[in-house]
């Protein structure tokens, strides 16, 4: 999974200095990788459950994510886990997590790392 495809700064010319934006981006990815789907031994970032992360100039964060299935038993809890993980990143302002099922998740969204962990090669 390409980090550039998931995490974006919303402005064409960011008010956040490039070094700081790079640090926040790396820290956001690291934070997202601490959240696991309890039924699958791979973090949600590598599973491809994170569709988009927007970093605004005020350092507020919006996360668009999904679940492996709409009936996932942790559907009510997972957004809170993601919000807590993202909120723990130094320099981050408000955090909003938006759940979507469009497009539906499928295994093609997983990274190579996730495929190896799940023995799917």
PDB file of N, CA and C in Angstrom:
ATOM      1  N   UNK A   1       0.844  -1.168   0.000  1.00  0.00           N
ATOM      2  CA  UNK A   1       0.000   0.000   0.000  1.00  0.00           C
ATOM      3  C   UNK A   1       0.890   1.232   0.000  1.00  0.00           C
ATOM      4  N   UNK A   2       0.595   2.169  -0.849  1.00  0.00           N
ATOM      5  CA  UNK A   2       1.379   3.392  -0.911  1.00  0.00           C
ATOM      6  C   UNK A   2       0.862   4.388   0.105  1.00  0.00           C
ATOM      7  N   UNK A   3       1.757   4.907   0.930  1.00  0.00           N
ATOM      8  CA  UNK A   3       1.355   5.901   1.921  1.00  0.00           C
ATOM      9  C   UNK A   3       0.777   7.134   1.243  1.00  0.00           C
ATOM     10  N   UNK A   4       1.297   7.493   0.067  1.00  0.00           N
ATOM     11  CA  UNK A   4       0.823   8.671  -0.648  1.00  0.00           C
ATOM     12  C   UNK A   4      -0.627   8.527  -1.079  1.00  0.00           C
ATOM     13  N   UNK A   5      -1.061   7.296  -1.316  1.00  0.00           N
ATOM     14  CA  UNK A   5      -2.419   7.073  -1.781  1.00  0.00           C
ATOM     15  C   UNK A   5      -3.437   7.222  -0.664  1.00  0.00           C
ATOM     16  N   UNK A   6      -2.994   7.148   0.574  1.00  0.00           N
ATOM     17  CA  UNK A   6      -3.921   7.156   1.695  1.00  0.00           C
ATOM     18  C   UNK A   6      -3.921   8.489   2.432  1.00  0.00           C
ATOM     19  N   UNK A   7      -2.755   9.017   2.749  1.00  0.00           N
ATOM     20  CA  UNK A   7      -2.665  10.212   3.571  1.00  0.00           C
ATOM     21  C   UNK A   7      -2.382  11.415   2.690  1.00  0.00           C
ATOM     22  N   UNK A   8      -3.243  12.417   2.821  1.00  0.00           N
ATOM     23  CA  UNK A   8      -3.133  13.595   1.975  1.00  0.00           C
ATOM     24  C   UNK A   8      -3.271  14.857   2.805  1.00  0.00           C
ATOM     25  N   UNK A   9      -2.584  15.889   2.356  1.00  0.00           N
ATOM     26  CA  UNK A   9      -2.781  17.217   2.908  1.00  0.00           C
ATOM     27  C   UNK A   9      -3.839  17.864   2.035  1.00  0.00           C
ATOM     28  N   UNK A  10      -4.861  18.437   2.623  1.00  0.00           N
ATOM     29  CA  UNK A  10      -5.996  18.938   1.856  1.00  0.00           C
ATOM     30  C   UNK A  10      -5.709  20.165   1.006  1.00  0.00           C
ATOM     31  N   UNK A  11      -4.715  20.931   1.312  1.00  0.00           N
ATOM     32  CA  UNK A  11      -4.440  22.148   0.575  1.00  0.00           C
ATOM     33  C   UNK A  11      -3.398  21.906  -0.503  1.00  0.00           C
ATOM     34  N   UNK A  12      -3.549  22.602  -1.649  1.00  0.00           N
ATOM     35  CA  UNK A  12      -2.541  22.488  -2.697  1.00  0.00           C
ATOM     36  C   UNK A  12      -1.199  22.989  -2.187  1.00  0.00           C
ATOM     37  N   UNK A  13      -1.202  24.102  -1.492  1.00  0.00           N
ATOM     38  CA  UNK A  13       0.007  24.619  -0.868  1.00  0.00           C
ATOM     39  C   UNK A  13      -0.270  24.627   0.632  1.00  0.00           C
ATOM     40  N   UNK A  14       0.375  23.704   1.330  1.00  0.00           N
ATOM     41  CA  UNK A  14       0.092  23.510   2.746  1.00  0.00           C
ATOM     42  C   UNK A  14       0.717  24.606   3.599  1.00  0.00           C
ATOM     43  N   UNK A  15      -0.012  24.978   4.635  1.00  0.00           N
ATOM     44  CA  UNK A  15       0.532  25.915   5.617  1.00  0.00           C
ATOM     45  C   UNK A  15       1.416  25.173   6.621  1.00  0.00           C
ATOM     46  N   UNK A  16       1.395  23.862   6.572  1.00  0.00           N
ATOM     47  CA  UNK A  16       2.230  23.044   7.455  1.00  0.00           C
ATOM     48  C   UNK A  16       3.578  22.852   6.774  1.00  0.00           C
ATOM     49  N   UNK A  17       4.663  23.195   7.454  1.00  0.00           N
ATOM     50  CA  UNK A  17       5.986  22.995   6.848  1.00  0.00           C
ATOM     51  C   UNK A  17       6.182  21.531   6.439  1.00  0.00           C
ATOM     52  N   UNK A  18       6.875  21.311   5.327  1.00  0.00           N
ATOM     53  CA  UNK A  18       7.046  19.969   4.756  1.00  0.00           C
ATOM     54  C   UNK A  18       7.632  18.979   5.758  1.00  0.00           C
ATOM     55  N   UNK A  19       8.629  19.399   6.514  1.00  0.00           N
ATOM     56  CA  UNK A  19       9.235  18.498   7.508  1.00  0.00           C
ATOM     57  C   UNK A  19       8.212  18.046   8.543  1.00  0.00           C
ATOM     58  N   UNK A  20       7.416  18.996   9.014  1.00  0.00           N
ATOM     59  CA  UNK A  20       6.404  18.665  10.018  1.00  0.00           C
ATOM     60  C   UNK A  20       5.324  17.767   9.417  1.00  0.00           C
ATOM     61  N   UNK A  21       4.925  18.060   8.188  1.00  0.00           N
ATOM     62  CA  UNK A  21       3.919  17.243   7.511  1.00  0.00           C
ATOM     63  C   UNK A  21       4.425  15.811   7.340  1.00  0.00           C
ATOM     64  N   UNK A  22       5.686  15.660   6.976  1.00  0.00           N
ATOM     65  CA  UNK A  22       6.285  14.323   6.840  1.00  0.00           C
ATOM     66  C   UNK A  22       6.282  13.588   8.180  1.00  0.00           C
ATOM     67  N   UNK A  23       6.610  14.308   9.255  1.00  0.00           N
ATOM     68  CA  UNK A  23       6.634  13.682  10.581  1.00  0.00           C
ATOM     69  C   UNK A  23       5.232  13.265  11.002  1.00  0.00           C
ATOM     70  N   UNK A  24       4.262  14.170  10.823  1.00  0.00           N
ATOM     71  CA  UNK A  24       2.880  13.854  11.197  1.00  0.00           C
ATOM     72  C   UNK A  24       2.385  12.654  10.389  1.00  0.00           C
ATOM     73  N   UNK A  25       2.681  12.633   9.097  1.00  0.00           N
ATOM     74  CA  UNK A  25       2.254  11.530   8.243  1.00  0.00           C
ATOM     75  C   UNK A  25       2.830  10.204   8.746  1.00  0.00           C
ATOM     76  N   UNK A  26       4.136  10.181   9.007  1.00  0.00           N
ATOM     77  CA  UNK A  26       4.780   8.960   9.502  1.00  0.00           C
ATOM     78  C   UNK A  26       4.194   8.544  10.847  1.00  0.00           C
ATOM     79  N   UNK A  27       3.957   9.518  11.726  1.00  0.00           N
ATOM     80  CA  UNK A  27       3.393   9.212  13.036  1.00  0.00           C
ATOM     81  C   UNK A  27       1.945   8.711  12.932  1.00  0.00           C
ATOM     82  N   UNK A  28       1.179   9.265  11.981  1.00  0.00           N
ATOM     83  CA  UNK A  28      -0.196   8.801  11.778  1.00  0.00           C
ATOM     84  C   UNK A  28      -0.206   7.353  11.302  1.00  0.00           C
ATOM     85  N   UNK A  29       0.669   7.028  10.370  1.00  0.00           N
ATOM     86  CA  UNK A  29       0.744   5.651   9.883  1.00  0.00           C
ATOM     87  C   UNK A  29       1.117   4.719  11.030  1.00  0.00           C
ATOM     88  N   UNK A  30       2.119   5.113  11.813  1.00  0.00           N
ATOM     89  CA  UNK A  30       2.538   4.285  12.956  1.00  0.00           C
ATOM     90  C   UNK A  30       1.373   4.103  13.937  1.00  0.00           C
ATOM     91  N   UNK A  31       0.613   5.163  14.188  1.00  0.00           N
ATOM     92  CA  UNK A  31      -0.524   5.078  15.117  1.00  0.00           C
ATOM     93  C   UNK A  31      -1.602   4.153  14.557  1.00  0.00           C
ATOM     94  N   UNK A  32      -1.911   4.279  13.271  1.00  0.00           N
ATOM     95  CA  UNK A  32      -2.924   3.425  12.660  1.00  0.00           C
ATOM     96  C   UNK A  32      -2.508   1.959  12.689  1.00  0.00           C
ATOM     97  N   UNK A  33      -1.209   1.710  12.624  1.00  0.00           N
ATOM     98  CA  UNK A  33      -0.712   0.338  12.645  1.00  0.00           C
ATOM     99  C   UNK A  33      -0.792  -0.295  14.037  1.00  0.00           C
ATOM    100  N   UNK A  34      -1.214   0.467  15.039  1.00  0.00           N
ATOM    101  CA  UNK A  34      -1.403  -0.096  16.381  1.00  0.00           C
ATOM    102  C   UNK A  34      -2.821  -0.625  16.578  1.00  0.00           C
ATOM    103  N   UNK A  35      -3.691  -0.372  15.607  1.00  0.00           N
ATOM    104  CA  UNK A  35      -5.090  -0.790  15.710  1.00  0.00           C
ATOM    105  C   UNK A  35      -5.277  -2.059  14.872  1.00  0.00           C
ATOM    106  N   UNK A  36      -5.814  -3.091  15.506  1.00  0.00           N
ATOM    107  CA  UNK A  36      -6.004  -4.384  14.853  1.00  0.00           C
ATOM    108  C   UNK A  36      -7.468  -4.769  14.832  1.00  0.00           C
ATOM    109  N   UNK A  37      -7.865  -5.415  13.759  1.00  0.00           N
ATOM    110  CA  UNK A  37      -9.151  -6.096  13.725  1.00  0.00           C
ATOM    111  C   UNK A  37      -8.962  -7.320  14.618  1.00  0.00           C
ATOM    112  N   UNK A  38      -9.746  -7.477  15.677  1.00  0.00           N
ATOM    113  CA  UNK A  38      -9.513  -8.567  16.618  1.00  0.00           C
ATOM    114  C   UNK A  38      -9.631  -9.970  16.012  1.00  0.00           C
ATOM    115  N   UNK A  39     -10.280 -10.098  14.865  1.00  0.00           N
ATOM    116  CA  UNK A  39     -10.445 -11.405  14.239  1.00  0.00           C
ATOM    117  C   UNK A  39      -9.338 -11.733  13.242  1.00  0.00           C
ATOM    118  N   UNK A  40      -8.504 -10.726  12.908  1.00  0.00           N
ATOM    119  CA  UNK A  40      -7.452 -10.912  11.902  1.00  0.00           C
ATOM    120  C   UNK A  40      -6.147 -10.386  12.488  1.00  0.00           C
ATOM    121  N   UNK A  41      -5.087 -11.174  12.478  1.00  0.00           N
ATOM    122  CA  UNK A  41      -3.835 -10.750  13.123  1.00  0.00           C
ATOM    123  C   UNK A  41      -2.991  -9.784  12.282  1.00  0.00           C
ATOM    124  N   UNK A  42      -3.649  -8.785  11.680  1.00  0.00           N
ATOM    125  CA  UNK A  42      -2.972  -7.774  10.871  1.00  0.00           C
ATOM    126  C   UNK A  42      -3.592  -6.428  11.221  1.00  0.00           C
ATOM    127  N   UNK A  43      -2.762  -5.376  11.254  1.00  0.00           N
ATOM    128  CA  UNK A  43      -3.297  -4.057  11.594  1.00  0.00           C
ATOM    129  C   UNK A  43      -4.199  -3.511  10.479  1.00  0.00           C
ATOM    130  N   UNK A  44      -5.051  -2.575  10.851  1.00  0.00           N
ATOM    131  CA  UNK A  44      -6.049  -2.057   9.916  1.00  0.00           C
ATOM    132  C   UNK A  44      -5.445  -1.291   8.754  1.00  0.00           C
ATOM    133  N   UNK A  45      -4.276  -0.702   8.948  1.00  0.00           N
ATOM    134  CA  UNK A  45      -3.627   0.027   7.869  1.00  0.00           C
ATOM    135  C   UNK A  45      -3.187  -0.949   6.770  1.00  0.00           C
ATOM    136  N   UNK A  46      -2.499  -2.017   7.168  1.00  0.00           N
ATOM    137  CA  UNK A  46      -2.016  -2.998   6.195  1.00  0.00           C
ATOM    138  C   UNK A  46      -3.165  -3.810   5.591  1.00  0.00           C
ATOM    139  N   UNK A  47      -4.256  -3.953   6.331  1.00  0.00           N
ATOM    140  CA  UNK A  47      -5.437  -4.637   5.783  1.00  0.00           C
ATOM    141  C   UNK A  47      -6.110  -3.813   4.691  1.00  0.00           C
ATOM    142  N   UNK A  48      -5.814  -2.522   4.642  1.00  0.00           N
ATOM    143  CA  UNK A  48      -6.443  -1.659   3.651  1.00  0.00           C
ATOM    144  C   UNK A  48      -7.785  -1.127   4.096  1.00  0.00           C
ATOM    145  N   UNK A  49      -8.009  -1.110   5.417  1.00  0.00           N
ATOM    146  CA  UNK A  49      -9.279  -0.591   5.939  1.00  0.00           C
ATOM    147  C   UNK A  49      -9.298   0.933   6.009  1.00  0.00           C
ATOM    148  N   UNK A  50      -8.132   1.558   5.911  1.00  0.00           N
ATOM    149  CA  UNK A  50      -8.045   3.015   5.911  1.00  0.00           C
ATOM    150  C   UNK A  50      -8.076   3.478   4.466  1.00  0.00           C
ATOM    151  N   UNK A  51      -9.157   4.136   4.090  1.00  0.00           N
ATOM    152  CA  UNK A  51      -9.310   4.586   2.714  1.00  0.00           C
ATOM    153  C   UNK A  51      -8.639   5.929   2.478  1.00  0.00           C
ATOM    154  N   UNK A  52      -8.685   6.794   3.486  1.00  0.00           N
ATOM    155  CA  UNK A  52      -8.133   8.136   3.292  1.00  0.00           C
ATOM    156  C   UNK A  52      -7.913   8.797   4.637  1.00  0.00           C
ATOM    157  N   UNK A  53      -6.846   9.583   4.719  1.00  0.00           N
ATOM    158  CA  UNK A  53      -6.585  10.411   5.892  1.00  0.00           C
ATOM    159  C   UNK A  53      -6.275  11.805   5.374  1.00  0.00           C
ATOM    160  N   UNK A  54      -7.092  12.770   5.761  1.00  0.00           N
ATOM    161  CA  UNK A  54      -6.866  14.164   5.367  1.00  0.00           C
ATOM    162  C   UNK A  54      -6.257  14.917   6.536  1.00  0.00           C
ATOM    163  N   UNK A  55      -5.187  15.647   6.255  1.00  0.00           N
ATOM    164  CA  UNK A  55      -4.538  16.490   7.248  1.00  0.00           C
ATOM    165  C   UNK A  55      -4.817  17.931   6.852  1.00  0.00           C
ATOM    166  N   UNK A  56      -5.566  18.625   7.672  1.00  0.00           N
ATOM    167  CA  UNK A  56      -5.904  20.019   7.391  1.00  0.00           C
ATOM    168  C   UNK A  56      -4.803  20.950   7.906  1.00  0.00           C
ATOM    169  N   UNK A  57      -4.809  22.179   7.430  1.00  0.00           N
ATOM    170  CA  UNK A  57      -3.798  23.149   7.861  1.00  0.00           C
ATOM    171  C   UNK A  57      -3.826  23.410   9.358  1.00  0.00           C
ATOM    172  N   UNK A  58      -4.992  23.248   9.984  1.00  0.00           N
ATOM    173  CA  UNK A  58      -5.085  23.449  11.438  1.00  0.00           C
ATOM    174  C   UNK A  58      -4.705  22.171  12.191  1.00  0.00           C
ATOM    175  N   UNK A  59      -4.216  21.179  11.445  1.00  0.00           N
ATOM    176  CA  UNK A  59      -3.752  19.899  11.975  1.00  0.00           C
ATOM    177  C   UNK A  59      -4.892  19.005  12.458  1.00  0.00           C
ATOM    178  N   UNK A  60      -6.124  19.356  12.067  1.00  0.00           N
ATOM    179  CA  UNK A  60      -7.226  18.442  12.337  1.00  0.00           C
ATOM    180  C   UNK A  60      -7.135  17.310  11.304  1.00  0.00           C
ATOM    181  N   UNK A  61      -7.643  16.167  11.699  1.00  0.00           N
ATOM    182  CA  UNK A  61      -7.504  14.964  10.883  1.00  0.00           C
ATOM    183  C   UNK A  61      -8.877  14.366  10.626  1.00  0.00           C
ATOM    184  N   UNK A  62      -9.107  13.965   9.385  1.00  0.00           N
ATOM    185  CA  UNK A  62     -10.317  13.215   9.037  1.00  0.00           C
ATOM    186  C   UNK A  62      -9.871  11.882   8.460  1.00  0.00           C
ATOM    187  N   UNK A  63     -10.411  10.814   9.014  1.00  0.00           N
ATOM    188  CA  UNK A  63     -10.087   9.465   8.560  1.00  0.00           C
ATOM    189  C   UNK A  63     -11.341   8.853   7.954  1.00  0.00           C
ATOM    190  N   UNK A  64     -11.227   8.383   6.716  1.00  0.00           N
ATOM    191  CA  UNK A  64     -12.280   7.598   6.086  1.00  0.00           C
ATOM    192  C   UNK A  64     -11.827   6.147   6.137  1.00  0.00           C
ATOM    193  N   UNK A  65     -12.643   5.307   6.721  1.00  0.00           N
ATOM    194  CA  UNK A  65     -12.260   3.901   6.880  1.00  0.00           C
ATOM    195  C   UNK A  65     -13.451   2.996   6.647  1.00  0.00           C
ATOM    196  N   UNK A  66     -13.167   1.723   6.578  1.00  0.00           N
ATOM    197  CA  UNK A  66     -14.210   0.720   6.412  1.00  0.00           C
ATOM    198  C   UNK A  66     -13.903  -0.453   7.329  1.00  0.00           C
ATOM    199  N   UNK A  67     -14.685  -1.487   7.208  1.00  0.00           N
ATOM    200  CA  UNK A  67     -14.475  -2.735   7.936  1.00  0.00           C
ATOM    201  C   UNK A  67     -14.447  -3.868   6.917  1.00  0.00           C
ATOM    202  N   UNK A  68     -13.961  -5.015   7.314  1.00  0.00           N
ATOM    203  CA  UNK A  68     -13.927  -6.141   6.392  1.00  0.00           C
ATOM    204  C   UNK A  68     -15.334  -6.587   6.001  1.00  0.00           C
ATOM    205  N   UNK A  69     -16.311  -6.317   6.879  1.00  0.00           N
ATOM    206  CA  UNK A  69     -17.715  -6.637   6.592  1.00  0.00           C
ATOM    207  C   UNK A  69     -18.600  -5.696   7.401  1.00  0.00           C
ATOM    208  N   UNK A  70     -19.726  -5.256   6.833  1.00  0.00           N
ATOM    209  CA  UNK A  70     -20.615  -4.350   7.564  1.00  0.00           C
ATOM    210  C   UNK A  70     -21.089  -4.906   8.907  1.00  0.00           C
ATOM    211  N   UNK A  71     -21.209  -6.222   9.024  1.00  0.00           N
ATOM    212  CA  UNK A  71     -21.676  -6.834  10.263  1.00  0.00           C
ATOM    213  C   UNK A  71     -20.557  -7.158  11.240  1.00  0.00           C
ATOM    214  N   UNK A  72     -19.394  -6.568  11.047  1.00  0.00           N
ATOM    215  CA  UNK A  72     -18.246  -6.819  11.917  1.00  0.00           C
ATOM    216  C   UNK A  72     -18.643  -6.586  13.381  1.00  0.00           C
ATOM    217  N   UNK A  73     -18.291  -7.508  14.276  1.00  0.00           N
ATOM    218  CA  UNK A  73     -18.703  -7.380  15.675  1.00  0.00           C
ATOM    219  C   UNK A  73     -18.133  -6.148  16.390  1.00  0.00           C
ATOM    220  N   UNK A  74     -17.064  -5.563  15.879  1.00  0.00           N
ATOM    221  CA  UNK A  74     -16.486  -4.379  16.535  1.00  0.00           C
ATOM    222  C   UNK A  74     -16.799  -3.089  15.771  1.00  0.00           C
ATOM    223  N   UNK A  75     -17.823  -3.138  14.919  1.00  0.00           N
ATOM    224  CA  UNK A  75     -18.184  -1.969  14.110  1.00  0.00           C
ATOM    225  C   UNK A  75     -18.443  -0.728  14.963  1.00  0.00           C
ATOM    226  N   UNK A  76     -19.033  -0.901  16.123  1.00  0.00           N
ATOM    227  CA  UNK A  76     -19.315   0.233  16.997  1.00  0.00           C
ATOM    228  C   UNK A  76     -18.104   0.734  17.745  1.00  0.00           C
ATOM    229  N   UNK A  77     -17.096  -0.122  17.917  1.00  0.00           N
ATOM    230  CA  UNK A  77     -15.910   0.230  18.701  1.00  0.00           C
ATOM    231  C   UNK A  77     -14.720   0.694  17.857  1.00  0.00           C
ATOM    232  N   UNK A  78     -14.579   0.150  16.677  1.00  0.00           N
ATOM    233  CA  UNK A  78     -13.403   0.411  15.846  1.00  0.00           C
ATOM    234  C   UNK A  78     -13.165   1.897  15.571  1.00  0.00           C
ATOM    235  N   UNK A  79     -14.183   2.688  15.217  1.00  0.00           N
ATOM    236  CA  UNK A  79     -13.917   4.115  14.988  1.00  0.00           C
ATOM    237  C   UNK A  79     -13.327   4.806  16.223  1.00  0.00           C
ATOM    238  N   UNK A  80     -13.753   4.421  17.403  1.00  0.00           N
ATOM    239  CA  UNK A  80     -13.198   4.980  18.633  1.00  0.00           C
ATOM    240  C   UNK A  80     -11.748   4.597  18.831  1.00  0.00           C
ATOM    241  N   UNK A  81     -11.412   3.362  18.482  1.00  0.00           N
ATOM    242  CA  UNK A  81     -10.022   2.911  18.581  1.00  0.00           C
ATOM    243  C   UNK A  81      -9.145   3.727  17.636  1.00  0.00           C
ATOM    244  N   UNK A  82      -9.657   3.951  16.426  1.00  0.00           N
ATOM    245  CA  UNK A  82      -8.904   4.727  15.431  1.00  0.00           C
ATOM    246  C   UNK A  82      -8.764   6.174  15.903  1.00  0.00           C
ATOM    247  N   UNK A  83      -9.844   6.754  16.400  1.00  0.00           N
ATOM    248  CA  UNK A  83      -9.789   8.130  16.902  1.00  0.00           C
ATOM    249  C   UNK A  83      -8.767   8.254  18.030  1.00  0.00           C
ATOM    250  N   UNK A  84      -8.760   7.315  18.954  1.00  0.00           N
ATOM    251  CA  UNK A  84      -7.800   7.359  20.062  1.00  0.00           C
ATOM    252  C   UNK A  84      -6.363   7.238  19.561  1.00  0.00           C
ATOM    253  N   UNK A  85      -6.127   6.346  18.619  1.00  0.00           N
ATOM    254  CA  UNK A  85      -4.775   6.159  18.086  1.00  0.00           C
ATOM    255  C   UNK A  85      -4.291   7.422  17.373  1.00  0.00           C
ATOM    256  N   UNK A  86      -5.133   7.987  16.524  1.00  0.00           N
ATOM    257  CA  UNK A  86      -4.760   9.190  15.773  1.00  0.00           C
ATOM    258  C   UNK A  86      -4.597  10.379  16.711  1.00  0.00           C
ATOM    259  N   UNK A  87      -5.456  10.483  17.710  1.00  0.00           N
ATOM    260  CA  UNK A  87      -5.371  11.587  18.682  1.00  0.00           C
ATOM    261  C   UNK A  87      -4.086  11.551  19.485  1.00  0.00           C
ATOM    262  N   UNK A  88      -3.469  10.387  19.580  1.00  0.00           N
ATOM    263  CA  UNK A  88      -2.232  10.261  20.365  1.00  0.00           C
ATOM    264  C   UNK A  88      -1.008  10.827  19.644  1.00  0.00           C
ATOM    265  N   UNK A  89      -1.151  11.145  18.372  1.00  0.00           N
ATOM    266  CA  UNK A  89      -0.026  11.678  17.594  1.00  0.00           C
ATOM    267  C   UNK A  89       0.233  13.131  17.987  1.00  0.00           C
ATOM    268  N   UNK A  90       1.472  13.413  18.309  1.00  0.00           N
ATOM    269  CA  UNK A  90       1.859  14.758  18.725  1.00  0.00           C
ATOM    270  C   UNK A  90       1.586  15.760  17.599  1.00  0.00           C
ATOM    271  N   UNK A  91       0.945  16.867  17.971  1.00  0.00           N
ATOM    272  CA  UNK A  91       0.681  17.934  17.016  1.00  0.00           C
ATOM    273  C   UNK A  91      -0.639  17.835  16.293  1.00  0.00           C
ATOM    274  N   UNK A  92      -1.391  16.765  16.530  1.00  0.00           N
ATOM    275  CA  UNK A  92      -2.675  16.571  15.866  1.00  0.00           C
ATOM    276  C   UNK A  92      -3.759  17.320  16.630  1.00  0.00           C
ATOM    277  N   UNK A  93      -4.662  17.958  15.886  1.00  0.00           N
ATOM    278  CA  UNK A  93      -5.791  18.657  16.500  1.00  0.00           C
ATOM    279  C   UNK A  93      -6.983  17.724  16.608  1.00  0.00           C
ATOM    280  N   UNK A  94      -8.140  18.230  16.240  1.00  0.00           N
ATOM    281  CA  UNK A  94      -9.370  17.437  16.302  1.00  0.00           C
ATOM    282  C   UNK A  94      -9.288  16.260  15.335  1.00  0.00           C
ATOM    283  N   UNK A  95      -9.941  15.166  15.706  1.00  0.00           N
ATOM    284  CA  UNK A  95      -9.944  13.964  14.875  1.00  0.00           C
ATOM    285  C   UNK A  95     -11.385  13.553  14.612  1.00  0.00           C
ATOM    286  N   UNK A  96     -11.685  13.304  13.351  1.00  0.00           N
ATOM    287  CA  UNK A  96     -13.012  12.818  12.952  1.00  0.00           C
ATOM    288  C   UNK A  96     -12.810  11.527  12.174  1.00  0.00           C
ATOM    289  N   UNK A  97     -13.504  10.471  12.578  1.00  0.00           N
ATOM    290  CA  UNK A  97     -13.430   9.191  11.883  1.00  0.00           C
ATOM    291  C   UNK A  97     -14.772   8.940  11.212  1.00  0.00           C
ATOM    292  N   UNK A  98     -14.731   8.735   9.914  1.00  0.00           N
ATOM    293  CA  UNK A  98     -15.937   8.500   9.123  1.00  0.00           C
ATOM    294  C   UNK A  98     -15.911   7.064   8.609  1.00  0.00           C
ATOM    295  N   UNK A  99     -16.948   6.312   8.905  1.00  0.00           N
ATOM    296  CA  UNK A  99     -17.068   4.931   8.450  1.00  0.00           C
ATOM    297  C   UNK A  99     -17.815   4.920   7.121  1.00  0.00           C
ATOM    298  N   UNK A 100     -17.283   4.169   6.155  1.00  0.00           N
ATOM    299  CA  UNK A 100     -17.943   4.043   4.862  1.00  0.00           C
ATOM    300  C   UNK A 100     -17.838   2.598   4.376  1.00  0.00           C
ATOM    301  N   UNK A 101     -18.782   2.206   3.574  1.00  0.00           N
ATOM    302  CA  UNK A 101     -18.737   0.886   2.956  1.00  0.00           C
ATOM    303  C   UNK A 101     -18.791   1.023   1.439  1.00  0.00           C
ATOM    304  N   UNK A 102     -18.405   2.209   0.963  1.00  0.00           N
ATOM    305  CA  UNK A 102     -18.387   2.495  -0.462  1.00  0.00           C
ATOM    306  C   UNK A 102     -17.020   3.033  -0.844  1.00  0.00           C
ATOM    307  N   UNK A 103     -16.196   2.264  -1.493  1.00  0.00           N
ATOM    308  CA  UNK A 103     -16.466   0.926  -2.003  1.00  0.00           C
ATOM    309  C   UNK A 103     -16.328  -0.116  -0.896  1.00  0.00           C
ATOM    310  N   UNK A 104     -16.969  -1.249  -1.077  1.00  0.00           N
ATOM    311  CA  UNK A 104     -16.821  -2.319  -0.092  1.00  0.00           C
ATOM    312  C   UNK A 104     -15.371  -2.803  -0.054  1.00  0.00           C
ATOM    313  N   UNK A 105     -14.923  -3.192   1.133  1.00  0.00           N
ATOM    314  CA  UNK A 105     -13.568  -3.729   1.271  1.00  0.00           C
ATOM    315  C   UNK A 105     -13.497  -5.102   0.615  1.00  0.00           C
ATOM    316  N   UNK A 106     -12.348  -5.397   0.018  1.00  0.00           N
ATOM    317  CA  UNK A 106     -12.073  -6.751  -0.443  1.00  0.00           C
ATOM    318  C   UNK A 106     -10.580  -7.008  -0.262  1.00  0.00           C
ATOM    319  N   UNK A 107     -10.166  -8.271  -0.273  1.00  0.00           N
ATOM    320  CA  UNK A 107      -8.772  -8.615   0.025  1.00  0.00           C
ATOM    321  C   UNK A 107      -7.734  -7.965  -0.892  1.00  0.00           C
ATOM    322  N   UNK A 108      -8.137  -7.486  -2.059  1.00  0.00           N
ATOM    323  CA  UNK A 108      -7.174  -6.839  -2.961  1.00  0.00           C
ATOM    324  C   UNK A 108      -6.626  -5.544  -2.366  1.00  0.00           C
ATOM    325  N   UNK A 109      -7.270  -5.011  -1.344  1.00  0.00           N
ATOM    326  CA  UNK A 109      -6.829  -3.763  -0.705  1.00  0.00           C
ATOM    327  C   UNK A 109      -5.677  -3.999   0.273  1.00  0.00           C
ATOM    328  N   UNK A 110      -5.406  -5.256   0.609  1.00  0.00           N
ATOM    329  CA  UNK A 110      -4.351  -5.566   1.579  1.00  0.00           C
ATOM    330  C   UNK A 110      -2.965  -5.316   0.974  1.00  0.00           C
ATOM    331  N   UNK A 111      -2.053  -4.919   1.836  1.00  0.00           N
ATOM    332  CA  UNK A 111      -0.667  -4.743   1.419  1.00  0.00           C
ATOM    333  C   UNK A 111       0.000  -6.106   1.283  1.00  0.00           C
ATOM    334  N   UNK A 112       1.165  -6.124   0.649  1.00  0.00           N
ATOM    335  CA  UNK A 112       1.938  -7.363   0.555  1.00  0.00           C
ATOM    336  C   UNK A 112       2.289  -7.879   1.948  1.00  0.00           C
ATOM    337  N   UNK A 113       2.584  -6.942   2.867  1.00  0.00           N
ATOM    338  CA  UNK A 113       2.903  -7.325   4.249  1.00  0.00           C
ATOM    339  C   UNK A 113       1.744  -8.099   4.875  1.00  0.00           C
ATOM    340  N   UNK A 114       0.525  -7.623   4.655  1.00  0.00           N
ATOM    341  CA  UNK A 114      -0.652  -8.307   5.203  1.00  0.00           C
ATOM    342  C   UNK A 114      -0.838  -9.675   4.559  1.00  0.00           C
ATOM    343  N   UNK A 115      -0.621  -9.755   3.250  1.00  0.00           N
ATOM    344  CA  UNK A 115      -0.758 -11.036   2.553  1.00  0.00           C
ATOM    345  C   UNK A 115       0.234 -12.073   3.091  1.00  0.00           C
ATOM    346  N   UNK A 116       1.455 -11.631   3.350  1.00  0.00           N
ATOM    347  CA  UNK A 116       2.457 -12.540   3.909  1.00  0.00           C
ATOM    348  C   UNK A 116       2.036 -12.987   5.308  1.00  0.00           C
ATOM    349  N   UNK A 117       1.588 -12.037   6.131  1.00  0.00           N
ATOM    350  CA  UNK A 117       1.181 -12.363   7.503  1.00  0.00           C
ATOM    351  C   UNK A 117       0.022 -13.352   7.527  1.00  0.00           C
ATOM    352  N   UNK A 118      -0.846 -13.259   6.528  1.00  0.00           N
ATOM    353  CA  UNK A 118      -2.018 -14.133   6.485  1.00  0.00           C
ATOM    354  C   UNK A 118      -1.798 -15.344   5.568  1.00  0.00           C
ATOM    355  N   UNK A 119      -0.578 -15.509   5.085  1.00  0.00           N
ATOM    356  CA  UNK A 119      -0.213 -16.652   4.232  1.00  0.00           C
ATOM    357  C   UNK A 119      -1.083 -16.703   2.981  1.00  0.00           C
ATOM    358  N   UNK A 120      -1.257 -15.553   2.343  1.00  0.00           N
ATOM    359  CA  UNK A 120      -2.136 -15.465   1.169  1.00  0.00           C
ATOM    360  C   UNK A 120      -1.365 -15.322  -0.143  1.00  0.00           C
ATOM    361  N   UNK A 121      -0.105 -15.689  -0.171  1.00  0.00           N
ATOM    362  CA  UNK A 121       0.654 -15.612  -1.426  1.00  0.00           C
ATOM    363  C   UNK A 121       0.630 -16.918  -2.148  1.00  0.00           C
TER     364      UNK A 121
END
